[in-house]
Amino acid sequence: MALMPEYEFRTIQFPRGTTRSSIRQELADHAEYGHWELHRLVVYLGGVQKAWLRRKIIRVPRPSSLPSRVR
């Protein structure tokens, strides 16, 4: 049975009146430099926009025993 991937989340809130192009640029910067992906974007009645970003948590399994030194 495969394990479900684990994600870490980040929330960004954009105030009312923020232009689409500046929101798009901000989300693109997070995606390019922080490896975040857009999970959800909600526009509230007051005009505030809230975006949830996520990225996978990559866990490296520990070796069961340390390798012996090769001489």
Protein backbone atom coordinates (compact mmCIF):
# COMPACT_ATOMS: atom_id res chain seq x y z
CA MET A 1 0.00 0.00 0.00
CA ALA A 2 1.46 3.35 -1.05
CA LEU A 3 1.78 6.14 1.48
CA MET A 4 0.00 9.42 0.83
CA PRO A 5 2.39 12.30 0.17
CA GLU A 6 2.78 14.81 2.98
CA TYR A 7 2.57 18.52 2.23
CA GLU A 8 3.54 21.70 3.99
CA PHE A 9 1.24 24.68 3.50
CA ARG A 10 1.66 28.45 3.34
CA THR A 11 -1.13 31.03 3.31
CA ILE A 12 -0.87 34.35 1.51
CA GLN A 13 -3.51 37.07 1.82
CA PHE A 14 -3.95 39.80 -0.78
CA PRO A 15 -5.82 42.97 0.22
CA ARG A 16 -8.73 44.39 -1.71
CA GLY A 17 -7.66 46.27 -4.80
CA THR A 18 -4.61 44.14 -5.53
CA THR A 19 -4.32 43.72 -9.29
CA ARG A 20 -4.48 40.32 -10.93
CA SER A 21 -1.07 40.81 -12.50
CA SER A 22 0.61 41.48 -9.15
CA ILE A 23 -1.10 38.43 -7.58
CA ARG A 24 -0.04 36.31 -10.53
CA GLN A 25 3.55 37.58 -10.26
CA GLU A 26 3.66 36.87 -6.51
CA LEU A 27 2.35 33.32 -6.98
CA ALA A 28 4.74 32.72 -9.90
CA ASP A 29 7.70 33.83 -7.74
CA HIS A 30 6.71 31.42 -4.97
CA ALA A 31 6.31 28.62 -7.50
CA GLU A 32 9.63 29.26 -9.25
CA TYR A 33 11.90 29.97 -6.30
CA GLY A 34 10.20 28.12 -3.44
CA HIS A 35 8.77 25.15 -5.38
CA TRP A 36 5.26 25.93 -4.13
CA GLU A 37 2.10 25.03 -6.05
CA LEU A 38 -1.30 26.69 -5.80
CA HIS A 39 -3.67 24.55 -3.73
CA ARG A 40 -6.63 26.90 -3.34
CA LEU A 41 -7.59 30.52 -3.99
CA VAL A 42 -10.65 32.09 -2.35
CA VAL A 43 -12.11 35.53 -3.01
CA TYR A 44 -14.11 36.81 -0.03
CA LEU A 45 -17.06 39.23 -0.14
CA GLY A 46 -14.95 42.20 0.95
CA GLY A 47 -12.58 41.67 -1.98
CA VAL A 48 -9.79 40.07 0.04
CA GLN A 49 -8.15 37.14 -1.74
CA LYS A 50 -6.51 34.31 0.15
CA ALA A 51 -4.24 31.75 -1.48
CA TRP A 52 -3.06 28.45 -0.01
CA LEU A 53 0.20 27.12 -1.42
CA ARG A 54 1.59 23.65 -0.84
CA ARG A 55 4.74 21.69 -1.51
CA LYS A 56 5.68 18.10 -0.89
CA ILE A 57 7.72 17.18 2.14
CA ILE A 58 10.45 14.85 0.94
CA ARG A 59 11.68 12.53 3.62
CA VAL A 60 14.84 10.56 3.04
CA PRO A 61 14.78 7.18 4.77
CA ARG A 62 17.60 6.59 7.22
CA PRO A 63 19.87 3.66 6.52
CA SER A 64 19.41 0.82 9.00
CA SER A 65 23.12 0.67 9.69
CA LEU A 66 26.05 2.84 8.80
CA PRO A 67 28.32 1.47 6.09
CA SER A 68 31.73 0.26 7.16
CA ARG A 69 34.76 2.23 6.08
CA VAL A 70 36.57 1.02 3.02
CA ARG A 71 40.36 1.17 3.26
